[in-house]
Amino acid sequence: MIRSSDLRKVKKIMNIQIVRLNSGEEILADVKIKEDSVVVKKPSLILPTGQGSIGLMPWMPYTDVPDGIEIKNSFVAFTVKPHDELMNEYNSAFGNGIVVPTKPAVSGPALTLTE
């Protein structure tokens, strides 16, 4: 079980975002947003695999750039936070290995309306 203090440390260290490029590529990475660019560390490409599912594969796997790849804002359409499930897949394969537990369903007694 992950302690909340450990989770806060991870959130400070990593900023996992989806970066949509103007070319249509969607990259999932640890993102640092700068004034005129974004820097992506440990980038992975989001690929549709058919029947409504997606897969992740390394983006630019033949590079050795521990400080990340800088992409000018003119090539970026937008950045957005991914769903927890996608972030967990990324962390398992490319990130720090920490998986955020899913929130349990909340249920209680059935509610009825009365007059």
PDB file of N, CA and C in Angstrom:
ATOM      1  N   MET A   1       0.842  -1.181   0.000  1.00  0.00           N
ATOM      2  CA  MET A   1       0.000   0.000   0.000  1.00  0.00           C
ATOM      3  C   MET A   1       0.885   1.241   0.000  1.00  0.00           C
ATOM      4  N   ILE A   2       0.545   2.190  -0.806  1.00  0.00           N
ATOM      5  CA  ILE A   2       1.304   3.438  -0.915  1.00  0.00           C
ATOM      6  C   ILE A   2       0.791   4.425   0.124  1.00  0.00           C
ATOM      7  N   ARG A   3       1.710   4.987   0.893  1.00  0.00           N
ATOM      8  CA  ARG A   3       1.318   6.015   1.854  1.00  0.00           C
ATOM      9  C   ARG A   3       1.088   7.325   1.124  1.00  0.00           C
ATOM     10  N   SER A   4       0.188   8.144   1.652  1.00  0.00           N
ATOM     11  CA  SER A   4      -0.122   9.413   1.001  1.00  0.00           C
ATOM     12  C   SER A   4       1.094  10.328   0.948  1.00  0.00           C
ATOM     13  N   SER A   5       1.985  10.248   1.936  1.00  0.00           N
ATOM     14  CA  SER A   5       3.191  11.086   1.910  1.00  0.00           C
ATOM     15  C   SER A   5       4.097  10.673   0.750  1.00  0.00           C
ATOM     16  N   ASP A   6       4.188   9.356   0.467  1.00  0.00           N
ATOM     17  CA  ASP A   6       4.977   8.883  -0.669  1.00  0.00           C
ATOM     18  C   ASP A   6       4.361   9.356  -1.973  1.00  0.00           C
ATOM     19  N   LEU A   7       3.037   9.333  -2.055  1.00  0.00           N
ATOM     20  CA  LEU A   7       2.337   9.748  -3.261  1.00  0.00           C
ATOM     21  C   LEU A   7       2.562  11.233  -3.532  1.00  0.00           C
ATOM     22  N   ARG A   8       2.574  12.052  -2.489  1.00  0.00           N
ATOM     23  CA  ARG A   8       2.832  13.484  -2.666  1.00  0.00           C
ATOM     24  C   ARG A   8       4.240  13.716  -3.224  1.00  0.00           C
ATOM     25  N   LYS A   9       5.215  12.937  -2.751  1.00  0.00           N
ATOM     26  CA  LYS A   9       6.584  13.067  -3.249  1.00  0.00           C
ATOM     27  C   LYS A   9       6.638  12.722  -4.732  1.00  0.00           C
ATOM     28  N   VAL A  10       5.945  11.664  -5.125  1.00  0.00           N
ATOM     29  CA  VAL A  10       5.930  11.256  -6.530  1.00  0.00           C
ATOM     30  C   VAL A  10       5.290  12.337  -7.380  1.00  0.00           C
ATOM     31  N   LYS A  11       4.189  12.911  -6.923  1.00  0.00           N
ATOM     32  CA  LYS A  11       3.514  13.943  -7.694  1.00  0.00           C
ATOM     33  C   LYS A  11       4.398  15.167  -7.876  1.00  0.00           C
ATOM     34  N   LYS A  12       5.240  15.487  -6.866  1.00  0.00           N
ATOM     35  CA  LYS A  12       6.148  16.619  -6.987  1.00  0.00           C
ATOM     36  C   LYS A  12       7.235  16.320  -8.010  1.00  0.00           C
ATOM     37  N   ILE A  13       7.682  15.077  -8.048  1.00  0.00           N
ATOM     38  CA  ILE A  13       8.778  14.702  -8.921  1.00  0.00           C
ATOM     39  C   ILE A  13       8.303  14.550 -10.364  1.00  0.00           C
ATOM     40  N   MET A  14       7.178  13.875 -10.567  1.00  0.00           N
ATOM     41  CA  MET A  14       6.728  13.559 -11.914  1.00  0.00           C
ATOM     42  C   MET A  14       5.478  14.349 -12.271  1.00  0.00           C
ATOM     43  N   ASN A  15       5.402  14.781 -13.509  1.00  0.00           N
ATOM     44  CA  ASN A  15       4.235  15.466 -14.038  1.00  0.00           C
ATOM     45  C   ASN A  15       3.846  14.734 -15.318  1.00  0.00           C
ATOM     46  N   ILE A  16       3.158  13.613 -15.172  1.00  0.00           N
ATOM     47  CA  ILE A  16       2.795  12.785 -16.314  1.00  0.00           C
ATOM     48  C   ILE A  16       1.655  13.461 -17.068  1.00  0.00           C
ATOM     49  N   GLN A  17       1.878  13.720 -18.351  1.00  0.00           N
ATOM     50  CA  GLN A  17       0.905  14.395 -19.199  1.00  0.00           C
ATOM     51  C   GLN A  17       0.867  13.724 -20.568  1.00  0.00           C
ATOM     52  N   ILE A  18      -0.264  13.887 -21.244  1.00  0.00           N
ATOM     53  CA  ILE A  18      -0.351  13.531 -22.658  1.00  0.00           C
ATOM     54  C   ILE A  18      -0.044  14.802 -23.438  1.00  0.00           C
ATOM     55  N   VAL A  19       0.887  14.708 -24.367  1.00  0.00           N
ATOM     56  CA  VAL A  19       1.238  15.828 -25.233  1.00  0.00           C
ATOM     57  C   VAL A  19       0.756  15.467 -26.633  1.00  0.00           C
ATOM     58  N   ARG A  20      -0.188  16.241 -27.151  1.00  0.00           N
ATOM     59  CA  ARG A  20      -0.688  16.021 -28.516  1.00  0.00           C
ATOM     60  C   ARG A  20       0.079  16.955 -29.439  1.00  0.00           C
ATOM     61  N   LEU A  21       0.800  16.367 -30.393  1.00  0.00           N
ATOM     62  CA  LEU A  21       1.559  17.157 -31.349  1.00  0.00           C
ATOM     63  C   LEU A  21       0.678  17.521 -32.537  1.00  0.00           C
ATOM     64  N   ASN A  22       1.055  18.552 -33.248  1.00  0.00           N
ATOM     65  CA  ASN A  22       0.306  18.971 -34.436  1.00  0.00           C
ATOM     66  C   ASN A  22       0.295  17.885 -35.507  1.00  0.00           C
ATOM     67  N   SER A  23       1.262  16.974 -35.464  1.00  0.00           N
ATOM     68  CA  SER A  23       1.334  15.871 -36.428  1.00  0.00           C
ATOM     69  C   SER A  23       0.285  14.799 -36.136  1.00  0.00           C
ATOM     70  N   GLY A  24      -0.365  14.877 -34.958  1.00  0.00           N
ATOM     71  CA  GLY A  24      -1.353  13.881 -34.563  1.00  0.00           C
ATOM     72  C   GLY A  24      -0.818  12.870 -33.568  1.00  0.00           C
ATOM     73  N   GLU A  25       0.493  12.844 -33.376  1.00  0.00           N
ATOM     74  CA  GLU A  25       1.067  11.918 -32.399  1.00  0.00           C
ATOM     75  C   GLU A  25       0.654  12.326 -30.994  1.00  0.00           C
ATOM     76  N   GLU A  26       0.382  11.323 -30.163  1.00  0.00           N
ATOM     77  CA  GLU A  26       0.095  11.564 -28.755  1.00  0.00           C
ATOM     78  C   GLU A  26       1.180  10.887 -27.942  1.00  0.00           C
ATOM     79  N   ILE A  27       1.872  11.687 -27.146  1.00  0.00           N
ATOM     80  CA  ILE A  27       2.997  11.214 -26.358  1.00  0.00           C
ATOM     81  C   ILE A  27       2.634  11.292 -24.883  1.00  0.00           C
ATOM     82  N   LEU A  28       2.894  10.221 -24.167  1.00  0.00           N
ATOM     83  CA  LEU A  28       2.700  10.188 -22.724  1.00  0.00           C
ATOM     84  C   LEU A  28       4.083  10.256 -22.103  1.00  0.00           C
ATOM     85  N   ALA A  29       4.309  11.243 -21.234  1.00  0.00           N
ATOM     86  CA  ALA A  29       5.660  11.459 -20.708  1.00  0.00           C
ATOM     87  C   ALA A  29       5.615  12.254 -19.420  1.00  0.00           C
ATOM     88  N   ASP A  30       6.764  12.315 -18.779  1.00  0.00           N
ATOM     89  CA  ASP A  30       6.977  13.231 -17.664  1.00  0.00           C
ATOM     90  C   ASP A  30       7.286  14.574 -18.319  1.00  0.00           C
ATOM     91  N   VAL A  31       6.416  15.556 -18.124  1.00  0.00           N
ATOM     92  CA  VAL A  31       6.465  16.804 -18.887  1.00  0.00           C
ATOM     93  C   VAL A  31       6.836  17.981 -17.993  1.00  0.00           C
ATOM     94  N   LYS A  32       7.728  18.803 -18.516  1.00  0.00           N
ATOM     95  CA  LYS A  32       8.041  20.081 -17.886  1.00  0.00           C
ATOM     96  C   LYS A  32       7.666  21.160 -18.894  1.00  0.00           C
ATOM     97  N   ILE A  33       6.771  22.052 -18.506  1.00  0.00           N
ATOM     98  CA  ILE A  33       6.311  23.096 -19.405  1.00  0.00           C
ATOM     99  C   ILE A  33       7.160  24.340 -19.192  1.00  0.00           C
ATOM    100  N   LYS A  34       7.768  24.808 -20.275  1.00  0.00           N
ATOM    101  CA  LYS A  34       8.585  26.014 -20.242  1.00  0.00           C
ATOM    102  C   LYS A  34       7.840  27.117 -20.994  1.00  0.00           C
ATOM    103  N   GLU A  35       8.425  28.293 -21.059  1.00  0.00           N
ATOM    104  CA  GLU A  35       7.751  29.434 -21.685  1.00  0.00           C
ATOM    105  C   GLU A  35       7.461  29.208 -23.165  1.00  0.00           C
ATOM    106  N   ASP A  36       8.436  28.702 -23.913  1.00  0.00           N
ATOM    107  CA  ASP A  36       8.239  28.540 -25.361  1.00  0.00           C
ATOM    108  C   ASP A  36       8.365  27.099 -25.838  1.00  0.00           C
ATOM    109  N   SER A  37       8.365  26.137 -24.891  1.00  0.00           N
ATOM    110  CA  SER A  37       8.515  24.739 -25.263  1.00  0.00           C
ATOM    111  C   SER A  37       8.044  23.830 -24.127  1.00  0.00           C
ATOM    112  N   VAL A  38       7.983  22.533 -24.433  1.00  0.00           N
ATOM    113  CA  VAL A  38       7.761  21.521 -23.401  1.00  0.00           C
ATOM    114  C   VAL A  38       8.925  20.536 -23.484  1.00  0.00           C
ATOM    115  N   VAL A  39       9.334  20.028 -22.348  1.00  0.00           N
ATOM    116  CA  VAL A  39      10.393  19.031 -22.288  1.00  0.00           C
ATOM    117  C   VAL A  39       9.754  17.725 -21.862  1.00  0.00           C
ATOM    118  N   VAL A  40       9.947  16.660 -22.659  1.00  0.00           N
ATOM    119  CA  VAL A  40       9.380  15.350 -22.347  1.00  0.00           C
ATOM    120  C   VAL A  40      10.498  14.402 -21.950  1.00  0.00           C
ATOM    121  N   LYS A  41      10.325  13.761 -20.795  1.00  0.00           N
ATOM    122  CA  LYS A  41      11.275  12.755 -20.320  1.00  0.00           C
ATOM    123  C   LYS A  41      10.575  11.399 -20.339  1.00  0.00           C
ATOM    124  N   LYS A  42      11.323  10.367 -20.715  1.00  0.00           N
ATOM    125  CA  LYS A  42      10.797   9.001 -20.818  1.00  0.00           C
ATOM    126  C   LYS A  42       9.506   8.980 -21.640  1.00  0.00           C
ATOM    127  N   PRO A  43       9.544   9.532 -22.864  1.00  0.00           N
ATOM    128  CA  PRO A  43       8.319   9.606 -23.655  1.00  0.00           C
ATOM    129  C   PRO A  43       7.899   8.255 -24.229  1.00  0.00           C
ATOM    130  N   SER A  44       6.602   8.035 -24.272  1.00  0.00           N
ATOM    131  CA  SER A  44       6.051   6.856 -24.923  1.00  0.00           C
ATOM    132  C   SER A  44       4.932   7.306 -25.859  1.00  0.00           C
ATOM    133  N   LEU A  45       4.795   6.597 -26.952  1.00  0.00           N
ATOM    134  CA  LEU A  45       3.790   6.906 -27.954  1.00  0.00           C
ATOM    135  C   LEU A  45       2.526   6.121 -27.628  1.00  0.00           C
ATOM    136  N   ILE A  46       1.380   6.787 -27.679  1.00  0.00           N
ATOM    137  CA  ILE A  46       0.089   6.127 -27.451  1.00  0.00           C
ATOM    138  C   ILE A  46      -0.424   5.669 -28.805  1.00  0.00           C
ATOM    139  N   LEU A  47      -0.658   4.360 -28.938  1.00  0.00           N
ATOM    140  CA  LEU A  47      -1.093   3.789 -30.206  1.00  0.00           C
ATOM    141  C   LEU A  47      -2.412   3.043 -30.046  1.00  0.00           C
ATOM    142  N   PRO A  48      -3.361   3.249 -30.973  1.00  0.00           N
ATOM    143  CA  PRO A  48      -4.572   2.427 -30.937  1.00  0.00           C
ATOM    144  C   PRO A  48      -4.218   1.005 -31.377  1.00  0.00           C
ATOM    145  N   THR A  49      -4.709   0.009 -30.643  1.00  0.00           N
ATOM    146  CA  THR A  49      -4.405  -1.386 -30.973  1.00  0.00           C
ATOM    147  C   THR A  49      -5.623  -2.126 -31.498  1.00  0.00           C
ATOM    148  N   GLY A  50      -6.742  -1.449 -31.619  1.00  0.00           N
ATOM    149  CA  GLY A  50      -7.947  -2.082 -32.150  1.00  0.00           C
ATOM    150  C   GLY A  50      -8.936  -2.399 -31.055  1.00  0.00           C
ATOM    151  N   GLN A  51     -10.193  -2.476 -31.418  1.00  0.00           N
ATOM    152  CA  GLN A  51     -11.294  -2.804 -30.518  1.00  0.00           C
ATOM    153  C   GLN A  51     -11.317  -1.935 -29.269  1.00  0.00           C
ATOM    154  N   GLY A  52     -11.051  -0.652 -29.456  1.00  0.00           N
ATOM    155  CA  GLY A  52     -11.166   0.299 -28.362  1.00  0.00           C
ATOM    156  C   GLY A  52     -10.045   0.279 -27.348  1.00  0.00           C
ATOM    157  N   SER A  53      -8.956  -0.426 -27.614  1.00  0.00           N
ATOM    158  CA  SER A  53      -7.851  -0.453 -26.659  1.00  0.00           C
ATOM    159  C   SER A  53      -6.652   0.298 -27.236  1.00  0.00           C
ATOM    160  N   ILE A  54      -5.712   0.623 -26.369  1.00  0.00           N
ATOM    161  CA  ILE A  54      -4.513   1.343 -26.774  1.00  0.00           C
ATOM    162  C   ILE A  54      -3.284   0.648 -26.218  1.00  0.00           C
ATOM    163  N   GLY A  55      -2.141   0.957 -26.785  1.00  0.00           N
ATOM    164  CA  GLY A  55      -0.875   0.425 -26.315  1.00  0.00           C
ATOM    165  C   GLY A  55       0.140   1.543 -26.205  1.00  0.00           C
ATOM    166  N   LEU A  56       1.202   1.275 -25.490  1.00  0.00           N
ATOM    167  CA  LEU A  56       2.292   2.230 -25.318  1.00  0.00           C
ATOM    168  C   LEU A  56       3.570   1.634 -25.872  1.00  0.00           C
ATOM    169  N   MET A  57       4.321   2.447 -26.591  1.00  0.00           N
ATOM    170  CA  MET A  57       5.642   2.020 -27.043  1.00  0.00           C
ATOM    171  C   MET A  57       6.592   3.203 -26.898  1.00  0.00           C
ATOM    172  N   PRO A  58       7.872   2.937 -26.702  1.00  0.00           N
ATOM    173  CA  PRO A  58       8.823   4.039 -26.541  1.00  0.00           C
ATOM    174  C   PRO A  58       8.801   4.975 -27.747  1.00  0.00           C
ATOM    175  N   TRP A  59       8.886   6.274 -27.478  1.00  0.00           N
ATOM    176  CA  TRP A  59       8.985   7.282 -28.527  1.00  0.00           C
ATOM    177  C   TRP A  59      10.431   7.717 -28.585  1.00  0.00           C
ATOM    178  N   MET A  60      11.021   7.674 -29.738  1.00  0.00           N
ATOM    179  CA  MET A  60      12.441   7.999 -29.938  1.00  0.00           C
ATOM    180  C   MET A  60      13.333   7.067 -29.103  1.00  0.00           C
ATOM    181  N   PRO A  61      13.132   5.734 -29.222  1.00  0.00           N
ATOM    182  CA  PRO A  61      13.876   4.799 -28.372  1.00  0.00           C
ATOM    183  C   PRO A  61      15.362   4.728 -28.678  1.00  0.00           C
ATOM    184  N   TYR A  62      15.783   5.259 -29.800  1.00  0.00           N
ATOM    185  CA  TYR A  62      17.184   5.191 -30.202  1.00  0.00           C
ATOM    186  C   TYR A  62      17.994   6.384 -29.716  1.00  0.00           C
ATOM    187  N   THR A  63      17.391   7.200 -28.839  1.00  0.00           N
ATOM    188  CA  THR A  63      18.097   8.362 -28.305  1.00  0.00           C
ATOM    189  C   THR A  63      18.545   8.113 -26.873  1.00  0.00           C
ATOM    190  N   ASP A  64      19.521   8.868 -26.451  1.00  0.00           N
ATOM    191  CA  ASP A  64      19.991   8.817 -25.063  1.00  0.00           C
ATOM    192  C   ASP A  64      19.965  10.241 -24.535  1.00  0.00           C
ATOM    193  N   VAL A  65      18.799  10.652 -24.025  1.00  0.00           N
ATOM    194  CA  VAL A  65      18.623  12.025 -23.558  1.00  0.00           C
ATOM    195  C   VAL A  65      18.021  12.019 -22.149  1.00  0.00           C
ATOM    196  N   PRO A  66      18.864  11.848 -21.144  1.00  0.00           N
ATOM    197  CA  PRO A  66      18.354  11.776 -19.770  1.00  0.00           C
ATOM    198  C   PRO A  66      17.672  13.064 -19.303  1.00  0.00           C
ATOM    199  N   ASP A  67      18.013  14.200 -19.927  1.00  0.00           N
ATOM    200  CA  ASP A  67      17.393  15.469 -19.548  1.00  0.00           C
ATOM    201  C   ASP A  67      16.103  15.731 -20.311  1.00  0.00           C
ATOM    202  N   GLY A  68      15.719  14.844 -21.220  1.00  0.00           N
ATOM    203  CA  GLY A  68      14.483  14.987 -21.966  1.00  0.00           C
ATOM    204  C   GLY A  68      14.670  15.586 -23.344  1.00  0.00           C
ATOM    205  N   ILE A  69      13.593  15.560 -24.113  1.00  0.00           N
ATOM    206  CA  ILE A  69      13.571  16.110 -25.460  1.00  0.00           C
ATOM    207  C   ILE A  69      12.724  17.371 -25.425  1.00  0.00           C
ATOM    208  N   GLU A  70      13.285  18.471 -25.901  1.00  0.00           N
ATOM    209  CA  GLU A  70      12.564  19.739 -25.899  1.00  0.00           C
ATOM    210  C   GLU A  70      11.801  19.895 -27.210  1.00  0.00           C
ATOM    211  N   ILE A  71      10.505  20.195 -27.104  1.00  0.00           N
ATOM    212  CA  ILE A  71       9.638  20.374 -28.267  1.00  0.00           C
ATOM    213  C   ILE A  71       9.097  21.801 -28.227  1.00  0.00           C
ATOM    214  N   LYS A  72       9.310  22.546 -29.281  1.00  0.00           N
ATOM    215  CA  LYS A  72       8.820  23.926 -29.350  1.00  0.00           C
ATOM    216  C   LYS A  72       7.291  23.952 -29.316  1.00  0.00           C
ATOM    217  N   ASN A  73       6.727  24.972 -28.684  1.00  0.00           N
ATOM    218  CA  ASN A  73       5.277  25.099 -28.565  1.00  0.00           C
ATOM    219  C   ASN A  73       4.566  25.133 -29.911  1.00  0.00           C
ATOM    220  N   SER A  74       5.244  25.582 -30.963  1.00  0.00           N
ATOM    221  CA  SER A  74       4.611  25.634 -32.282  1.00  0.00           C
ATOM    222  C   SER A  74       4.277  24.244 -32.817  1.00  0.00           C
ATOM    223  N   PHE A  75       4.877  23.186 -32.238  1.00  0.00           N
ATOM    224  CA  PHE A  75       4.589  21.811 -32.648  1.00  0.00           C
ATOM    225  C   PHE A  75       3.600  21.120 -31.716  1.00  0.00           C
ATOM    226  N   VAL A  76       3.211  21.784 -30.619  1.00  0.00           N
ATOM    227  CA  VAL A  76       2.336  21.185 -29.612  1.00  0.00           C
ATOM    228  C   VAL A  76       0.926  21.732 -29.751  1.00  0.00           C
ATOM    229  N   ALA A  77      -0.053  20.823 -29.891  1.00  0.00           N
ATOM    230  CA  ALA A  77      -1.451  21.249 -29.957  1.00  0.00           C
ATOM    231  C   ALA A  77      -1.973  21.518 -28.546  1.00  0.00           C
ATOM    232  N   PHE A  78      -1.719  20.570 -27.611  1.00  0.00           N
ATOM    233  CA  PHE A  78      -2.137  20.751 -26.224  1.00  0.00           C
ATOM    234  C   PHE A  78      -1.483  19.698 -25.343  1.00  0.00           C
ATOM    235  N   THR A  79      -1.569  19.902 -24.026  1.00  0.00           N
ATOM    236  CA  THR A  79      -1.169  18.899 -23.040  1.00  0.00           C
ATOM    237  C   THR A  79      -2.354  18.682 -22.113  1.00  0.00           C
ATOM    238  N   VAL A  80      -2.486  17.463 -21.610  1.00  0.00           N
ATOM    239  CA  VAL A  80      -3.614  17.127 -20.752  1.00  0.00           C
ATOM    240  C   VAL A  80      -3.224  15.980 -19.820  1.00  0.00           C
ATOM    241  N   LYS A  81      -3.828  15.961 -18.643  1.00  0.00           N
ATOM    242  CA  LYS A  81      -3.575  14.904 -17.659  1.00  0.00           C
ATOM    243  C   LYS A  81      -4.269  13.621 -18.119  1.00  0.00           C
ATOM    244  N   PRO A  82      -3.584  12.471 -18.056  1.00  0.00           N
ATOM    245  CA  PRO A  82      -4.208  11.204 -18.452  1.00  0.00           C
ATOM    246  C   PRO A  82      -5.066  10.614 -17.331  1.00  0.00           C
ATOM    247  N   HIS A  83      -5.914   9.647 -17.695  1.00  0.00           N
ATOM    248  CA  HIS A  83      -6.661   8.886 -16.702  1.00  0.00           C
ATOM    249  C   HIS A  83      -5.677   8.131 -15.813  1.00  0.00           C
ATOM    250  N   ASP A  84      -6.103   7.825 -14.583  1.00  0.00           N
ATOM    251  CA  ASP A  84      -5.236   7.090 -13.651  1.00  0.00           C
ATOM    252  C   ASP A  84      -4.805   5.736 -14.219  1.00  0.00           C
ATOM    253  N   GLU A  85      -5.696   5.039 -14.914  1.00  0.00           N
ATOM    254  CA  GLU A  85      -5.354   3.727 -15.473  1.00  0.00           C
ATOM    255  C   GLU A  85      -4.210   3.837 -16.477  1.00  0.00           C
ATOM    256  N   LEU A  86      -4.270   4.851 -17.333  1.00  0.00           N
ATOM    257  CA  LEU A  86      -3.213   5.048 -18.322  1.00  0.00           C
ATOM    258  C   LEU A  86      -1.913   5.459 -17.636  1.00  0.00           C
ATOM    259  N   MET A  87      -2.008   6.298 -16.624  1.00  0.00           N
ATOM    260  CA  MET A  87      -0.817   6.709 -15.884  1.00  0.00           C
ATOM    261  C   MET A  87      -0.183   5.500 -15.187  1.00  0.00           C
ATOM    262  N   ASN A  88      -1.003   4.610 -14.646  1.00  0.00           N
ATOM    263  CA  ASN A  88      -0.476   3.400 -14.006  1.00  0.00           C
ATOM    264  C   ASN A  88       0.256   2.515 -15.015  1.00  0.00           C
ATOM    265  N   GLU A  89      -0.304   2.362 -16.210  1.00  0.00           N
ATOM    266  CA  GLU A  89       0.353   1.572 -17.251  1.00  0.00           C
ATOM    267  C   GLU A  89       1.700   2.185 -17.620  1.00  0.00           C
ATOM    268  N   TYR A  90       1.712   3.500 -17.771  1.00  0.00           N
ATOM    269  CA  TYR A  90       2.954   4.198 -18.100  1.00  0.00           C
ATOM    270  C   TYR A  90       3.989   3.999 -16.989  1.00  0.00           C
ATOM    271  N   ASN A  91       3.588   4.205 -15.739  1.00  0.00           N
ATOM    272  CA  ASN A  91       4.524   4.065 -14.624  1.00  0.00           C
ATOM    273  C   ASN A  91       5.052   2.643 -14.511  1.00  0.00           C
ATOM    274  N   SER A  92       4.213   1.657 -14.817  1.00  0.00           N
ATOM    275  CA  SER A  92       4.665   0.266 -14.768  1.00  0.00           C
ATOM    276  C   SER A  92       5.707  -0.012 -15.841  1.00  0.00           C
ATOM    277  N   ALA A  93       5.501   0.528 -17.038  1.00  0.00           N
ATOM    278  CA  ALA A  93       6.375   0.215 -18.164  1.00  0.00           C
ATOM    279  C   ALA A  93       7.567   1.165 -18.300  1.00  0.00           C
ATOM    280  N   PHE A  94       7.360   2.462 -18.109  1.00  0.00           N
ATOM    281  CA  PHE A  94       8.387   3.447 -18.426  1.00  0.00           C
ATOM    282  C   PHE A  94       8.777   4.334 -17.256  1.00  0.00           C
ATOM    283  N   GLY A  95       7.926   4.440 -16.265  1.00  0.00           N
ATOM    284  CA  GLY A  95       8.138   5.407 -15.196  1.00  0.00           C
ATOM    285  C   GLY A  95       8.818   4.824 -13.994  1.00  0.00           C
ATOM    286  N   ASN A  96       8.331   5.241 -12.839  1.00  0.00           N
ATOM    287  CA  ASN A  96       8.961   4.879 -11.577  1.00  0.00           C
ATOM    288  C   ASN A  96       8.414   3.593 -10.973  1.00  0.00           C
ATOM    289  N   GLY A  97       7.425   2.970 -11.620  1.00  0.00           N
ATOM    290  CA  GLY A  97       6.869   1.716 -11.131  1.00  0.00           C
ATOM    291  C   GLY A  97       5.786   1.870 -10.089  1.00  0.00           C
ATOM    292  N   ILE A  98       5.545   3.091  -9.624  1.00  0.00           N
ATOM    293  CA  ILE A  98       4.520   3.312  -8.607  1.00  0.00           C
ATOM    294  C   ILE A  98       3.153   3.371  -9.266  1.00  0.00           C
ATOM    295  N   VAL A  99       2.234   2.581  -8.740  1.00  0.00           N
ATOM    296  CA  VAL A  99       0.877   2.511  -9.272  1.00  0.00           C
ATOM    297  C   VAL A  99      -0.074   3.101  -8.247  1.00  0.00           C
ATOM    298  N   VAL A 100      -0.918   4.026  -8.687  1.00  0.00           N
ATOM    299  CA  VAL A 100      -1.893   4.661  -7.805  1.00  0.00           C
ATOM    300  C   VAL A 100      -3.098   3.741  -7.695  1.00  0.00           C
ATOM    301  N   PRO A 101      -3.493   3.346  -6.477  1.00  0.00           N
ATOM    302  CA  PRO A 101      -4.649   2.466  -6.351  1.00  0.00           C
ATOM    303  C   PRO A 101      -5.916   3.153  -6.834  1.00  0.00           C
ATOM    304  N   THR A 102      -6.775   2.360  -7.463  1.00  0.00           N
ATOM    305  CA  THR A 102      -8.041   2.917  -7.925  1.00  0.00           C
ATOM    306  C   THR A 102      -8.950   3.145  -6.732  1.00  0.00           C
ATOM    307  N   LYS A 103      -9.825   4.110  -6.881  1.00  0.00           N
ATOM    308  CA  LYS A 103     -10.740   4.434  -5.795  1.00  0.00           C
ATOM    309  C   LYS A 103     -11.842   3.383  -5.746  1.00  0.00           C
ATOM    310  N   PRO A 104     -12.141   2.848  -4.557  1.00  0.00           N
ATOM    311  CA  PRO A 104     -13.211   1.862  -4.474  1.00  0.00           C
ATOM    312  C   PRO A 104     -14.566   2.518  -4.717  1.00  0.00           C
ATOM    313  N   ALA A 105     -15.467   1.726  -5.236  1.00  0.00           N
ATOM    314  CA  ALA A 105     -16.819   2.230  -5.464  1.00  0.00           C
ATOM    315  C   ALA A 105     -17.470   2.522  -4.117  1.00  0.00           C
ATOM    316  N   VAL A 106     -18.158   3.619  -4.049  1.00  0.00           N
ATOM    317  CA  VAL A 106     -18.847   4.002  -2.826  1.00  0.00           C
ATOM    318  C   VAL A 106     -20.292   3.553  -2.958  1.00  0.00           C
ATOM    319  N   SER A 107     -20.733   2.807  -1.987  1.00  0.00           N
ATOM    320  CA  SER A 107     -22.132   2.394  -2.020  1.00  0.00           C
ATOM    321  C   SER A 107     -22.722   2.563  -0.624  1.00  0.00           C
ATOM    322  N   GLY A 108     -23.970   2.708  -0.597  1.00  0.00           N
ATOM    323  CA  GLY A 108     -24.664   2.899   0.666  1.00  0.00           C
ATOM    324  C   GLY A 108     -26.086   2.406   0.520  1.00  0.00           C
ATOM    325  N   PRO A 109     -26.898   2.694   1.481  1.00  0.00           N
ATOM    326  CA  PRO A 109     -28.277   2.240   1.385  1.00  0.00           C
ATOM    327  C   PRO A 109     -28.977   2.932   0.218  1.00  0.00           C
ATOM    328  N   ALA A 110     -29.900   2.207  -0.358  1.00  0.00           N
ATOM    329  CA  ALA A 110     -30.668   2.763  -1.483  1.00  0.00           C
ATOM    330  C   ALA A 110     -31.481   3.952  -0.985  1.00  0.00           C
ATOM    331  N   LEU A 111     -31.530   4.988  -1.787  1.00  0.00           N
ATOM    332  CA  LEU A 111     -32.279   6.177  -1.419  1.00  0.00           C
ATOM    333  C   LEU A 111     -33.619   6.161  -2.145  1.00  0.00           C
ATOM    334  N   THR A 112     -34.647   6.594  -1.442  1.00  0.00           N
ATOM    335  CA  THR A 112     -35.954   6.699  -2.069  1.00  0.00           C
ATOM    336  C   THR A 112     -36.506   8.084  -1.807  1.00  0.00           C
ATOM    337  N   LEU A 113     -37.289   8.570  -2.722  1.00  0.00           N
ATOM    338  CA  LEU A 113     -37.903   9.881  -2.567  1.00  0.00           C
ATOM    339  C   LEU A 113     -39.258   9.725  -1.881  1.00  0.00           C
ATOM    340  N   THR A 114     -39.518  10.575  -0.927  1.00  0.00           N
ATOM    341  CA  THR A 114     -40.810  10.568  -0.258  1.00  0.00           C
ATOM    342  C   THR A 114     -41.379  11.971  -0.280  1.00  0.00           C
ATOM    343  N   GLU A 115     -42.666  12.050  -0.158  1.00  0.00           N
ATOM    344  CA  GLU A 115     -43.308  13.365  -0.137  1.00  0.00           C
ATOM    345  C   GLU A 115     -43.729  13.713   1.252  1.00  0.00           C
TER     346      GLU A 115
END
